Amino acid sequence: MAADQRILLVRRYDRCRADDGAWRRLHQEDFCQALAVPPDLKYQNEGGPDLQACFSLLRRATRPSAPEVIRLLDAVIFNALIGNHDAHAKNFSILYQQQRGILAPLYDLLCTAVYPTLTDKMAMKVGSKYCFSEVQVRHWEQLAKAAGLSGAQTKKRVAGIAKQLPSCAHGLQTEALYSDQPLVERIISLIEQRCALTLKRLTT
């Protein structure tokens, strides 16, 4: 708390302290930069990258690429299930360390779907769908194809994350910072609903 204002302080991942004690910037590129897409075209429906372009980029820019592709897949699933509709191409980056690229730690993670005045369209399609409520099993399979992964593997990861997320969210709610916060309760309810819907569609 700062006076009556709540603030979130996050340690930067793109800085390191050198031997001389000075802070150094680590080289990274967001996906728009890496794909030579102007920043004002960061949303897919405005001409920006889709998930197929993002996965293809990651395969080209990272070595070994397989673990990074899975990390991006998990991030896409996570964002969909928590209601983060602002996961556009500038909110993913490649971090370059020791001559190799990796998917940078995730940032700008928030539940936008809980705010009724914000768009209900995801920044990038899952399969052919922008709206989470319309995402069926076949759309996860379409995502798998775009990512160059098997449908079975992708659906297994979707189910695994959907099973874990609600309990993880409730675990955070028990922390003093988040207890008795109506907005947090609404976010958890939204996550529970999305995870339950996803698991139901995967098993029917």
N, C-alpha and C. Protein backbone atom coordinates (compact mmCIF):
# COMPACT_ATOMS: atom_id res chain seq x y z
N MET A 1 0.84 -1.19 0.00
CA MET A 1 0.00 0.00 0.00
C MET A 1 0.88 1.26 0.00
N ALA A 2 0.50 2.24 -0.78
CA ALA A 2 1.13 3.55 -0.76
C ALA A 2 0.02 4.54 -0.45
N ALA A 3 0.01 5.02 0.81
CA ALA A 3 -1.13 5.81 1.29
C ALA A 3 -2.39 4.96 1.12
N ASP A 4 -3.35 5.42 0.31
CA ASP A 4 -4.56 4.63 0.11
C ASP A 4 -4.56 3.95 -1.25
N GLN A 5 -3.40 3.89 -1.90
CA GLN A 5 -3.31 3.29 -3.22
C GLN A 5 -2.59 1.94 -3.15
N ARG A 6 -3.17 0.93 -3.79
CA ARG A 6 -2.50 -0.36 -3.92
C ARG A 6 -1.63 -0.33 -5.17
N ILE A 7 -0.41 -0.81 -5.04
CA ILE A 7 0.48 -0.87 -6.19
C ILE A 7 1.05 -2.28 -6.30
N LEU A 8 1.39 -2.65 -7.52
CA LEU A 8 2.01 -3.94 -7.77
C LEU A 8 3.43 -3.70 -8.24
N LEU A 9 4.39 -4.22 -7.49
CA LEU A 9 5.80 -4.05 -7.80
C LEU A 9 6.33 -5.37 -8.35
N VAL A 10 6.83 -5.35 -9.57
CA VAL A 10 7.29 -6.56 -10.24
C VAL A 10 8.77 -6.42 -10.58
N ARG A 11 9.56 -7.42 -10.22
CA ARG A 11 10.98 -7.41 -10.56
C ARG A 11 11.15 -7.63 -12.06
N ARG A 12 11.95 -6.79 -12.69
CA ARG A 12 12.18 -6.90 -14.13
C ARG A 12 13.05 -8.11 -14.44
N TYR A 13 12.66 -8.83 -15.48
CA TYR A 13 13.46 -9.99 -15.90
C TYR A 13 14.49 -9.62 -16.95
N ASP A 14 14.37 -8.43 -17.54
CA ASP A 14 15.24 -8.04 -18.65
C ASP A 14 16.38 -7.12 -18.20
N ARG A 15 16.75 -7.20 -16.94
CA ARG A 15 17.89 -6.47 -16.40
C ARG A 15 18.74 -7.42 -15.57
N CYS A 16 20.06 -7.21 -15.58
CA CYS A 16 20.94 -7.99 -14.72
C CYS A 16 22.05 -7.07 -14.22
N ARG A 17 22.60 -7.42 -13.07
CA ARG A 17 23.69 -6.61 -12.51
C ARG A 17 25.03 -7.17 -12.98
N ALA A 18 25.83 -6.33 -13.57
CA ALA A 18 27.14 -6.74 -14.07
C ALA A 18 28.16 -6.80 -12.93
N ASP A 19 29.35 -7.29 -13.25
CA ASP A 19 30.41 -7.43 -12.24
C ASP A 19 30.79 -6.09 -11.63
N ASP A 20 30.64 -5.00 -12.40
CA ASP A 20 31.00 -3.68 -11.88
C ASP A 20 29.87 -3.05 -11.07
N GLY A 21 28.78 -3.80 -10.89
CA GLY A 21 27.66 -3.32 -10.08
C GLY A 21 26.61 -2.56 -10.87
N ALA A 22 26.91 -2.26 -12.12
CA ALA A 22 25.95 -1.52 -12.94
C ALA A 22 24.88 -2.47 -13.47
N TRP A 23 23.70 -1.91 -13.70
CA TRP A 23 22.61 -2.70 -14.27
C TRP A 23 22.75 -2.73 -15.78
N ARG A 24 22.56 -3.90 -16.36
CA ARG A 24 22.65 -4.06 -17.80
C ARG A 24 21.30 -4.54 -18.35
N ARG A 25 20.97 -4.03 -19.52
CA ARG A 25 19.74 -4.44 -20.19
C ARG A 25 19.99 -5.71 -20.98
N LEU A 26 19.12 -6.69 -20.83
CA LEU A 26 19.19 -7.92 -21.61
C LEU A 26 18.43 -7.73 -22.92
N HIS A 27 18.96 -8.27 -23.98
CA HIS A 27 18.35 -8.07 -25.30
C HIS A 27 17.09 -8.93 -25.44
N GLN A 28 16.02 -8.30 -25.84
CA GLN A 28 14.79 -9.03 -26.12
C GLN A 28 14.05 -8.34 -27.26
N GLU A 29 13.18 -9.09 -27.90
CA GLU A 29 12.29 -8.55 -28.93
C GLU A 29 10.90 -9.08 -28.66
N ASP A 30 9.91 -8.19 -28.68
CA ASP A 30 8.55 -8.72 -28.63
C ASP A 30 8.21 -9.31 -30.00
N PHE A 31 7.12 -10.06 -30.05
CA PHE A 31 6.82 -10.79 -31.28
C PHE A 31 6.54 -9.86 -32.46
N CYS A 32 5.97 -8.69 -32.20
CA CYS A 32 5.76 -7.74 -33.30
C CYS A 32 7.11 -7.28 -33.86
N GLN A 33 8.04 -6.95 -32.97
CA GLN A 33 9.37 -6.53 -33.44
C GLN A 33 10.03 -7.64 -34.24
N ALA A 34 9.99 -8.86 -33.71
CA ALA A 34 10.66 -9.99 -34.36
C ALA A 34 10.05 -10.33 -35.71
N LEU A 35 8.76 -10.02 -35.87
CA LEU A 35 8.06 -10.32 -37.12
C LEU A 35 7.96 -9.10 -38.05
N ALA A 36 8.61 -8.00 -37.65
CA ALA A 36 8.59 -6.76 -38.43
C ALA A 36 7.17 -6.26 -38.66
N VAL A 37 6.36 -6.35 -37.60
CA VAL A 37 4.99 -5.86 -37.64
C VAL A 37 4.91 -4.58 -36.82
N PRO A 38 4.36 -3.49 -37.35
CA PRO A 38 4.26 -2.24 -36.59
C PRO A 38 3.49 -2.45 -35.28
N PRO A 39 3.88 -1.75 -34.22
CA PRO A 39 3.24 -1.97 -32.92
C PRO A 39 1.75 -1.64 -32.90
N ASP A 40 1.31 -0.75 -33.78
CA ASP A 40 -0.12 -0.42 -33.80
C ASP A 40 -0.95 -1.49 -34.49
N LEU A 41 -0.29 -2.55 -34.98
CA LEU A 41 -1.00 -3.69 -35.56
C LEU A 41 -0.82 -4.93 -34.69
N LYS A 42 -0.79 -4.74 -33.39
CA LYS A 42 -0.49 -5.85 -32.49
C LYS A 42 -1.64 -6.84 -32.34
N TYR A 43 -2.88 -6.42 -32.63
CA TYR A 43 -4.03 -7.31 -32.51
C TYR A 43 -4.28 -8.03 -33.84
N GLN A 44 -4.60 -9.30 -33.76
CA GLN A 44 -4.81 -10.08 -34.98
C GLN A 44 -5.91 -9.50 -35.85
N ASN A 45 -7.03 -9.09 -35.23
CA ASN A 45 -8.15 -8.60 -36.04
C ASN A 45 -7.90 -7.22 -36.64
N GLU A 46 -6.74 -6.63 -36.30
CA GLU A 46 -6.35 -5.35 -36.90
C GLU A 46 -5.16 -5.52 -37.84
N GLY A 47 -4.90 -6.79 -38.22
CA GLY A 47 -3.82 -7.07 -39.14
C GLY A 47 -2.55 -7.58 -38.50
N GLY A 48 -2.60 -7.84 -37.21
CA GLY A 48 -1.43 -8.31 -36.49
C GLY A 48 -1.22 -9.81 -36.58
N PRO A 49 -0.17 -10.32 -35.93
CA PRO A 49 0.16 -11.74 -36.00
C PRO A 49 -0.92 -12.63 -35.40
N ASP A 50 -1.08 -13.81 -35.99
CA ASP A 50 -1.94 -14.82 -35.40
C ASP A 50 -1.05 -15.83 -34.67
N LEU A 51 -1.67 -16.81 -34.03
CA LEU A 51 -0.89 -17.75 -33.24
C LEU A 51 0.01 -18.62 -34.10
N GLN A 52 -0.41 -18.93 -35.31
CA GLN A 52 0.45 -19.72 -36.19
C GLN A 52 1.76 -18.98 -36.46
N ALA A 53 1.68 -17.68 -36.71
CA ALA A 53 2.89 -16.88 -36.93
C ALA A 53 3.76 -16.84 -35.69
N CYS A 54 3.12 -16.79 -34.52
CA CYS A 54 3.87 -16.75 -33.26
C CYS A 54 4.61 -18.05 -33.01
N PHE A 55 3.95 -19.16 -33.23
CA PHE A 55 4.61 -20.45 -33.03
C PHE A 55 5.72 -20.67 -34.06
N SER A 56 5.49 -20.26 -35.29
CA SER A 56 6.51 -20.40 -36.33
C SER A 56 7.74 -19.57 -35.98
N LEU A 57 7.52 -18.36 -35.50
CA LEU A 57 8.62 -17.50 -35.06
C LEU A 57 9.43 -18.18 -33.97
N LEU A 58 8.76 -18.72 -32.99
CA LEU A 58 9.45 -19.34 -31.87
C LEU A 58 10.28 -20.54 -32.32
N ARG A 59 9.77 -21.29 -33.27
CA ARG A 59 10.54 -22.43 -33.79
C ARG A 59 11.81 -21.96 -34.51
N ARG A 60 11.73 -20.83 -35.18
CA ARG A 60 12.90 -20.32 -35.90
C ARG A 60 13.92 -19.67 -34.96
N ALA A 61 13.43 -19.02 -33.92
CA ALA A 61 14.29 -18.15 -33.12
C ALA A 61 14.88 -18.81 -31.88
N THR A 62 14.43 -20.00 -31.52
CA THR A 62 14.91 -20.64 -30.29
C THR A 62 15.50 -22.01 -30.60
N ARG A 63 16.49 -22.38 -29.79
CA ARG A 63 17.12 -23.70 -29.90
C ARG A 63 17.48 -24.20 -28.50
N PRO A 64 17.04 -25.38 -28.10
CA PRO A 64 16.05 -26.20 -28.80
C PRO A 64 14.68 -25.54 -28.71
N SER A 65 13.89 -25.68 -29.75
CA SER A 65 12.62 -24.97 -29.82
C SER A 65 11.47 -25.71 -29.14
N ALA A 66 11.56 -27.03 -29.05
CA ALA A 66 10.42 -27.81 -28.54
C ALA A 66 9.96 -27.35 -27.15
N PRO A 67 10.86 -27.16 -26.16
CA PRO A 67 10.38 -26.71 -24.85
C PRO A 67 9.74 -25.33 -24.89
N GLU A 68 10.26 -24.46 -25.76
CA GLU A 68 9.71 -23.10 -25.84
C GLU A 68 8.33 -23.11 -26.49
N VAL A 69 8.13 -23.99 -27.46
CA VAL A 69 6.82 -24.12 -28.10
C VAL A 69 5.78 -24.59 -27.08
N ILE A 70 6.15 -25.53 -26.24
CA ILE A 70 5.23 -26.01 -25.20
C ILE A 70 4.94 -24.90 -24.20
N ARG A 71 5.95 -24.11 -23.85
CA ARG A 71 5.73 -22.99 -22.94
C ARG A 71 4.75 -21.98 -23.53
N LEU A 72 4.88 -21.72 -24.82
CA LEU A 72 3.94 -20.79 -25.46
C LEU A 72 2.55 -21.39 -25.52
N LEU A 73 2.45 -22.67 -25.81
CA LEU A 73 1.14 -23.33 -25.81
C LEU A 73 0.49 -23.19 -24.44
N ASP A 74 1.24 -23.47 -23.39
CA ASP A 74 0.70 -23.35 -22.03
C ASP A 74 0.25 -21.91 -21.75
N ALA A 75 1.02 -20.94 -22.25
CA ALA A 75 0.67 -19.54 -22.03
C ALA A 75 -0.64 -19.19 -22.73
N VAL A 76 -0.82 -19.68 -23.94
CA VAL A 76 -2.07 -19.43 -24.68
C VAL A 76 -3.26 -20.03 -23.94
N ILE A 77 -3.09 -21.26 -23.47
CA ILE A 77 -4.16 -21.92 -22.71
C ILE A 77 -4.46 -21.15 -21.44
N PHE A 78 -3.42 -20.79 -20.71
CA PHE A 78 -3.57 -20.05 -19.45
C PHE A 78 -4.31 -18.74 -19.68
N ASN A 79 -3.89 -17.96 -20.68
CA ASN A 79 -4.54 -16.68 -20.94
C ASN A 79 -6.02 -16.85 -21.28
N ALA A 80 -6.33 -17.88 -22.06
CA ALA A 80 -7.73 -18.12 -22.41
C ALA A 80 -8.56 -18.45 -21.17
N LEU A 81 -8.00 -19.27 -20.29
CA LEU A 81 -8.76 -19.73 -19.13
C LEU A 81 -8.89 -18.68 -18.03
N ILE A 82 -7.93 -17.76 -17.92
CA ILE A 82 -8.05 -16.72 -16.90
C ILE A 82 -8.80 -15.50 -17.42
N GLY A 83 -9.14 -15.51 -18.72
CA GLY A 83 -9.87 -14.37 -19.27
C GLY A 83 -9.00 -13.19 -19.63
N ASN A 84 -7.76 -13.46 -20.02
CA ASN A 84 -6.87 -12.39 -20.48
C ASN A 84 -7.05 -12.22 -21.98
N HIS A 85 -7.90 -11.29 -22.35
CA HIS A 85 -8.19 -11.06 -23.76
C HIS A 85 -7.19 -10.10 -24.41
N ASP A 86 -6.20 -9.65 -23.64
CA ASP A 86 -5.23 -8.69 -24.17
C ASP A 86 -3.87 -9.33 -24.44
N ALA A 87 -3.86 -10.64 -24.66
CA ALA A 87 -2.60 -11.35 -24.93
C ALA A 87 -2.25 -11.24 -26.41
N HIS A 88 -1.87 -10.04 -26.82
CA HIS A 88 -1.53 -9.77 -28.22
C HIS A 88 -0.03 -10.01 -28.45
N ALA A 89 0.41 -9.78 -29.68
CA ALA A 89 1.78 -10.16 -30.06
C ALA A 89 2.85 -9.35 -29.35
N LYS A 90 2.54 -8.16 -28.86
CA LYS A 90 3.55 -7.40 -28.12
C LYS A 90 3.64 -7.85 -26.66
N ASN A 91 2.74 -8.72 -26.25
CA ASN A 91 2.80 -9.24 -24.88
C ASN A 91 3.47 -10.61 -24.81
N PHE A 92 4.18 -10.97 -25.87
CA PHE A 92 5.07 -12.13 -25.87
C PHE A 92 6.41 -11.66 -26.42
N SER A 93 7.49 -12.15 -25.84
CA SER A 93 8.81 -11.73 -26.29
C SER A 93 9.79 -12.89 -26.33
N ILE A 94 10.84 -12.69 -27.11
CA ILE A 94 11.98 -13.61 -27.13
C ILE A 94 13.12 -12.92 -26.39
N LEU A 95 13.67 -13.60 -25.41
CA LEU A 95 14.78 -13.09 -24.61
C LEU A 95 16.04 -13.81 -25.06
N TYR A 96 17.07 -13.03 -25.38
CA TYR A 96 18.31 -13.61 -25.90
C TYR A 96 19.35 -13.68 -24.78
N GLN A 97 19.79 -14.90 -24.49
CA GLN A 97 20.77 -15.13 -23.44
C GLN A 97 21.84 -16.08 -23.95
N GLN A 98 23.10 -15.67 -23.83
CA GLN A 98 24.22 -16.54 -24.20
C GLN A 98 24.03 -17.15 -25.59
N GLN A 99 23.78 -16.27 -26.54
CA GLN A 99 23.69 -16.66 -27.95
C GLN A 99 22.47 -17.54 -28.28
N ARG A 100 21.51 -17.63 -27.37
CA ARG A 100 20.32 -18.41 -27.70
C ARG A 100 19.08 -17.64 -27.27
N GLY A 101 18.00 -17.89 -28.01
CA GLY A 101 16.74 -17.24 -27.67
C GLY A 101 15.82 -18.18 -26.92
N ILE A 102 15.09 -17.62 -25.97
CA ILE A 102 14.08 -18.37 -25.24
C ILE A 102 12.81 -17.52 -25.18
N LEU A 103 11.69 -18.16 -24.93
CA LEU A 103 10.47 -17.39 -24.68
C LEU A 103 10.63 -16.65 -23.37
N ALA A 104 10.47 -15.35 -23.40
CA ALA A 104 10.64 -14.55 -22.19
C ALA A 104 9.56 -14.88 -21.17
N PRO A 105 9.83 -14.64 -19.89
CA PRO A 105 8.78 -14.79 -18.89
C PRO A 105 7.54 -13.97 -19.28
N LEU A 106 6.39 -14.48 -18.93
CA LEU A 106 5.15 -13.80 -19.31
C LEU A 106 4.98 -12.50 -18.54
N TYR A 107 4.33 -11.54 -19.16
CA TYR A 107 4.07 -10.25 -18.52
C TYR A 107 2.71 -9.74 -18.98
N ASP A 108 2.24 -8.69 -18.32
CA ASP A 108 0.90 -8.13 -18.60
C ASP A 108 -0.17 -9.22 -18.50
N LEU A 109 -0.09 -10.01 -17.45
CA LEU A 109 -1.08 -11.07 -17.22
C LEU A 109 -2.19 -10.52 -16.33
N LEU A 110 -3.38 -10.47 -16.86
CA LEU A 110 -4.52 -9.97 -16.09
C LEU A 110 -5.80 -10.53 -16.68
N CYS A 111 -6.83 -10.50 -15.86
CA CYS A 111 -8.15 -10.94 -16.31
C CYS A 111 -8.91 -9.73 -16.81
N THR A 112 -8.97 -9.57 -18.12
CA THR A 112 -9.74 -8.46 -18.69
C THR A 112 -11.22 -8.80 -18.81
N ALA A 113 -11.53 -10.09 -18.87
CA ALA A 113 -12.92 -10.52 -19.12
C ALA A 113 -13.85 -10.18 -17.96
N VAL A 114 -13.28 -9.88 -16.80
CA VAL A 114 -14.12 -9.57 -15.64
C VAL A 114 -14.68 -8.15 -15.72
N TYR A 115 -14.14 -7.35 -16.62
CA TYR A 115 -14.59 -5.96 -16.76
C TYR A 115 -15.59 -5.87 -17.92
N PRO A 116 -16.84 -5.57 -17.65
CA PRO A 116 -17.88 -5.60 -18.70
C PRO A 116 -17.68 -4.57 -19.81
N THR A 117 -16.91 -3.51 -19.54
CA THR A 117 -16.73 -2.48 -20.57
C THR A 117 -15.61 -2.83 -21.55
N LEU A 118 -14.85 -3.89 -21.27
CA LEU A 118 -13.77 -4.30 -22.17
C LEU A 118 -14.25 -5.36 -23.14
N THR A 119 -13.54 -5.53 -24.22
CA THR A 119 -13.97 -6.44 -25.28
C THR A 119 -14.01 -7.89 -24.80
N ASP A 120 -14.96 -8.64 -25.37
CA ASP A 120 -15.02 -10.08 -25.06
C ASP A 120 -14.29 -10.90 -26.11
N LYS A 121 -13.57 -10.22 -27.00
CA LYS A 121 -12.80 -10.91 -28.03
C LYS A 121 -11.36 -11.08 -27.57
N MET A 122 -10.83 -12.28 -27.74
CA MET A 122 -9.43 -12.52 -27.44
C MET A 122 -8.55 -11.84 -28.48
N ALA A 123 -7.34 -11.48 -28.08
CA ALA A 123 -6.44 -10.75 -28.98
C ALA A 123 -6.04 -11.58 -30.18
N MET A 124 -5.95 -12.90 -29.99
CA MET A 124 -5.64 -13.81 -31.09
C MET A 124 -6.61 -14.98 -31.03
N LYS A 125 -6.98 -15.47 -32.18
CA LYS A 125 -7.95 -16.57 -32.25
C LYS A 125 -7.39 -17.86 -31.68
N VAL A 126 -8.26 -18.61 -31.02
CA VAL A 126 -7.99 -20.02 -30.73
C VAL A 126 -8.70 -20.81 -31.82
N GLY A 127 -7.93 -21.40 -32.71
CA GLY A 127 -8.55 -21.98 -33.89
C GLY A 127 -9.16 -20.88 -34.73
N SER A 128 -10.44 -20.95 -34.97
CA SER A 128 -11.12 -19.93 -35.77
C SER A 128 -11.99 -19.01 -34.92
N LYS A 129 -11.81 -19.04 -33.59
CA LYS A 129 -12.71 -18.30 -32.71
C LYS A 129 -11.99 -17.23 -31.90
N TYR A 130 -12.58 -16.04 -31.88
CA TYR A 130 -12.11 -14.97 -31.02
C TYR A 130 -12.77 -15.02 -29.64
N CYS A 131 -13.99 -15.52 -29.56
CA CYS A 131 -14.75 -15.52 -28.30
C CYS A 131 -14.55 -16.85 -27.58
N PHE A 132 -14.12 -16.76 -26.32
CA PHE A 132 -13.83 -17.98 -25.57
C PHE A 132 -15.05 -18.88 -25.46
N SER A 133 -16.23 -18.28 -25.28
CA SER A 133 -17.44 -19.08 -25.09
C SER A 133 -17.74 -19.97 -26.30
N GLU A 134 -17.16 -19.65 -27.45
CA GLU A 134 -17.40 -20.42 -28.67
C GLU A 134 -16.33 -21.46 -28.94
N VAL A 135 -15.31 -21.53 -28.09
CA VAL A 135 -14.19 -22.45 -28.32
C VAL A 135 -14.60 -23.87 -27.96
N GLN A 136 -14.61 -24.73 -28.95
CA GLN A 136 -14.94 -26.15 -28.78
C GLN A 136 -13.66 -26.98 -28.93
N VAL A 137 -13.80 -28.29 -28.78
CA VAL A 137 -12.64 -29.18 -28.89
C VAL A 137 -11.95 -29.00 -30.24
N ARG A 138 -12.71 -28.87 -31.31
CA ARG A 138 -12.10 -28.77 -32.64
C ARG A 138 -11.24 -27.52 -32.78
N HIS A 139 -11.55 -26.49 -32.00
CA HIS A 139 -10.75 -25.27 -32.10
C HIS A 139 -9.41 -25.43 -31.39
N TRP A 140 -9.38 -26.20 -30.30
CA TRP A 140 -8.10 -26.55 -29.68
C TRP A 140 -7.29 -27.41 -30.64
N GLU A 141 -7.95 -28.27 -31.39
CA GLU A 141 -7.25 -29.10 -32.38
C GLU A 141 -6.70 -28.23 -33.51
N GLN A 142 -7.44 -27.19 -33.89
CA GLN A 142 -6.94 -26.26 -34.89
C GLN A 142 -5.72 -25.51 -34.37
N LEU A 143 -5.76 -25.14 -33.09
CA LEU A 143 -4.60 -24.49 -32.47
C LEU A 143 -3.40 -25.42 -32.50
N ALA A 144 -3.63 -26.69 -32.19
CA ALA A 144 -2.54 -27.67 -32.20
C ALA A 144 -1.88 -27.72 -33.58
N LYS A 145 -2.69 -27.75 -34.61
CA LYS A 145 -2.15 -27.79 -35.98
C LYS A 145 -1.33 -26.55 -36.28
N ALA A 146 -1.83 -25.39 -35.84
CA ALA A 146 -1.10 -24.14 -36.05
C ALA A 146 0.24 -24.14 -35.32
N ALA A 147 0.27 -24.80 -34.17
CA ALA A 147 1.49 -24.85 -33.36
C ALA A 147 2.43 -25.95 -33.80
N GLY A 148 1.99 -26.81 -34.71
CA GLY A 148 2.80 -27.93 -35.14
C GLY A 148 2.85 -29.05 -34.12
N LEU A 149 1.78 -29.17 -33.33
CA LEU A 149 1.70 -30.18 -32.27
C LEU A 149 0.54 -31.13 -32.56
N SER A 150 0.52 -32.25 -31.88
CA SER A 150 -0.58 -33.19 -32.05
C SER A 150 -1.81 -32.71 -31.30
N GLY A 151 -2.98 -33.05 -31.83
CA GLY A 151 -4.21 -32.69 -31.15
C GLY A 151 -4.32 -33.32 -29.79
N ALA A 152 -3.90 -34.58 -29.67
CA ALA A 152 -3.99 -35.29 -28.40
C ALA A 152 -3.11 -34.64 -27.34
N GLN A 153 -1.89 -34.28 -27.72
CA GLN A 153 -0.97 -33.63 -26.78
C GLN A 153 -1.53 -32.29 -26.32
N THR A 154 -2.07 -31.53 -27.26
CA THR A 154 -2.60 -30.21 -26.92
C THR A 154 -3.81 -30.32 -26.01
N LYS A 155 -4.72 -31.22 -26.32
CA LYS A 155 -5.92 -31.38 -25.47
C LYS A 155 -5.54 -31.86 -24.08
N LYS A 156 -4.51 -32.67 -23.98
CA LYS A 156 -4.04 -33.13 -22.67
C LYS A 156 -3.52 -31.96 -21.84
N ARG A 157 -2.81 -31.05 -22.47
CA ARG A 157 -2.29 -29.89 -21.74
C ARG A 157 -3.42 -28.93 -21.38
N VAL A 158 -4.39 -28.76 -22.27
CA VAL A 158 -5.56 -27.93 -21.95
C VAL A 158 -6.27 -28.48 -20.72
N ALA A 159 -6.52 -29.78 -20.71
CA ALA A 159 -7.21 -30.41 -19.59
C ALA A 159 -6.40 -30.29 -18.31
N GLY A 160 -5.09 -30.50 -18.41
CA GLY A 160 -4.25 -30.43 -17.22
C GLY A 160 -4.26 -29.05 -16.58
N ILE A 161 -4.16 -28.02 -17.39
CA ILE A 161 -4.18 -26.65 -16.86
C ILE A 161 -5.56 -26.31 -16.32
N ALA A 162 -6.61 -26.72 -17.01
CA ALA A 162 -7.98 -26.44 -16.56
C ALA A 162 -8.28 -27.11 -15.22
N LYS A 163 -7.66 -28.25 -14.96
CA LYS A 163 -7.87 -28.94 -13.69
C LYS A 163 -7.13 -28.25 -12.54
N GLN A 164 -5.98 -27.66 -12.84
CA GLN A 164 -5.15 -27.08 -11.79
C GLN A 164 -5.51 -25.63 -11.44
N LEU A 165 -5.97 -24.88 -12.42
CA LEU A 165 -6.13 -23.44 -12.23
C LEU A 165 -7.06 -23.04 -11.08
N PRO A 166 -8.25 -23.64 -10.94
CA PRO A 166 -9.13 -23.19 -9.87
C PRO A 166 -8.50 -23.30 -8.48
N SER A 167 -7.84 -24.41 -8.19
CA SER A 167 -7.24 -24.56 -6.87
C SER A 167 -6.08 -23.58 -6.69
N CYS A 168 -5.33 -23.33 -7.75
CA CYS A 168 -4.25 -22.34 -7.67
C CYS A 168 -4.81 -20.95 -7.38
N ALA A 169 -5.91 -20.61 -8.04
CA ALA A 169 -6.54 -19.31 -7.82
C ALA A 169 -7.04 -19.18 -6.39
N HIS A 170 -7.66 -20.23 -5.88
CA HIS A 170 -8.14 -20.19 -4.49
C HIS A 170 -6.97 -20.09 -3.52
N GLY A 171 -5.85 -20.71 -3.87
CA GLY A 171 -4.67 -20.61 -3.01
C GLY A 171 -4.17 -19.19 -2.89
N LEU A 172 -4.19 -18.45 -3.99
CA LEU A 172 -3.79 -17.05 -3.95
C LEU A 172 -4.76 -16.21 -3.12
N GLN A 173 -6.04 -16.58 -3.19
CA GLN A 173 -7.06 -15.81 -2.47
C GLN A 173 -6.84 -15.86 -0.97
N THR A 174 -6.20 -16.89 -0.47
CA THR A 174 -5.98 -17.00 0.98
C THR A 174 -4.89 -16.06 1.47
N GLU A 175 -4.09 -15.51 0.55
CA GLU A 175 -3.05 -14.57 0.96
C GLU A 175 -3.71 -13.27 1.42
N ALA A 176 -3.10 -12.65 2.41
CA ALA A 176 -3.69 -11.46 3.04
C ALA A 176 -3.98 -10.35 2.04
N LEU A 177 -3.11 -10.20 1.06
CA LEU A 177 -3.27 -9.12 0.09
C LEU A 177 -4.56 -9.24 -0.72
N TYR A 178 -5.01 -10.50 -0.94
CA TYR A 178 -6.15 -10.73 -1.83
C TYR A 178 -7.42 -11.14 -1.10
N SER A 179 -7.35 -11.34 0.18
CA SER A 179 -8.54 -11.79 0.92
C SER A 179 -9.57 -10.66 1.01
N ASP A 180 -10.83 -11.05 1.02
CA ASP A 180 -11.94 -10.10 1.15
C ASP A 180 -11.92 -9.03 0.06
N GLN A 181 -11.54 -9.44 -1.14
CA GLN A 181 -11.56 -8.52 -2.28
C GLN A 181 -12.64 -8.99 -3.26
N PRO A 182 -13.74 -8.26 -3.39
CA PRO A 182 -14.82 -8.68 -4.29
C PRO A 182 -14.36 -8.94 -5.72
N LEU A 183 -13.44 -8.11 -6.22
CA LEU A 183 -12.97 -8.30 -7.60
C LEU A 183 -12.23 -9.62 -7.74
N VAL A 184 -11.43 -9.97 -6.73
CA VAL A 184 -10.70 -11.24 -6.77
C VAL A 184 -11.69 -12.40 -6.79
N GLU A 185 -12.75 -12.29 -6.00
CA GLU A 185 -13.77 -13.35 -5.98
C GLU A 185 -14.43 -13.50 -7.35
N ARG A 186 -14.67 -12.38 -8.02
CA ARG A 186 -15.27 -12.44 -9.36
C ARG A 186 -14.32 -13.08 -10.36
N ILE A 187 -13.04 -12.76 -10.25
CA ILE A 187 -12.05 -13.36 -11.15
C ILE A 187 -11.97 -14.86 -10.94
N ILE A 188 -11.96 -15.29 -9.68
CA ILE A 188 -11.89 -16.72 -9.39
C ILE A 188 -13.13 -17.43 -9.91
N SER A 189 -14.28 -16.81 -9.75
CA SER A 189 -15.52 -17.40 -10.27
C SER A 189 -15.46 -17.55 -11.78
N LEU A 190 -14.93 -16.53 -12.46
CA LEU A 190 -14.80 -16.59 -13.91
C LEU A 190 -13.86 -17.72 -14.32
N ILE A 191 -12.74 -17.85 -13.62
CA ILE A 191 -11.78 -18.91 -13.93
C ILE A 191 -12.42 -20.28 -13.72
N GLU A 192 -13.15 -20.44 -12.63
CA GLU A 192 -13.82 -21.72 -12.36
C GLU A 192 -14.80 -22.06 -13.48
N GLN A 193 -15.58 -21.07 -13.92
CA GLN A 193 -16.56 -21.31 -14.97
C GLN A 193 -15.88 -21.70 -16.29
N ARG A 194 -14.82 -20.99 -16.63
CA ARG A 194 -14.13 -21.29 -17.89
C ARG A 194 -13.47 -22.66 -17.85
N CYS A 195 -12.87 -23.00 -16.73
CA CYS A 195 -12.21 -24.30 -16.62
C CYS A 195 -13.24 -25.43 -16.66
N ALA A 196 -14.36 -25.25 -15.96
CA ALA A 196 -15.40 -26.27 -15.95
C ALA A 196 -15.99 -26.46 -17.35
N LEU A 197 -16.24 -25.36 -18.05
CA LEU A 197 -16.78 -25.44 -19.41
C LEU A 197 -15.80 -26.15 -20.34
N THR A 198 -14.54 -25.82 -20.21
CA THR A 198 -13.52 -26.42 -21.07
C THR A 198 -13.42 -27.92 -20.83
N LEU A 199 -13.38 -28.33 -19.56
CA LEU A 199 -13.28 -29.75 -19.24
C LEU A 199 -14.52 -30.51 -19.71
N LYS A 200 -15.68 -29.89 -19.58
CA LYS A 200 -16.91 -30.53 -20.05
C LYS A 200 -16.86 -30.76 -21.55
N ARG A 201 -16.40 -29.76 -22.29
CA ARG A 201 -16.34 -29.88 -23.74
C ARG A 201 -15.27 -30.88 -24.19
N LEU A 202 -14.22 -31.01 -23.41
CA LEU A 202 -13.17 -31.96 -23.75
C LEU A 202 -13.58 -33.41 -23.52
N THR A 203 -14.57 -33.61 -22.66
CA THR A 203 -14.93 -34.97 -22.26
C THR A 203 -16.29 -35.41 -22.77
N THR A 204 -16.96 -34.58 -23.57
CA THR A 204 -18.28 -34.96 -24.10
C THR A 204 -18.23 -35.03 -25.62
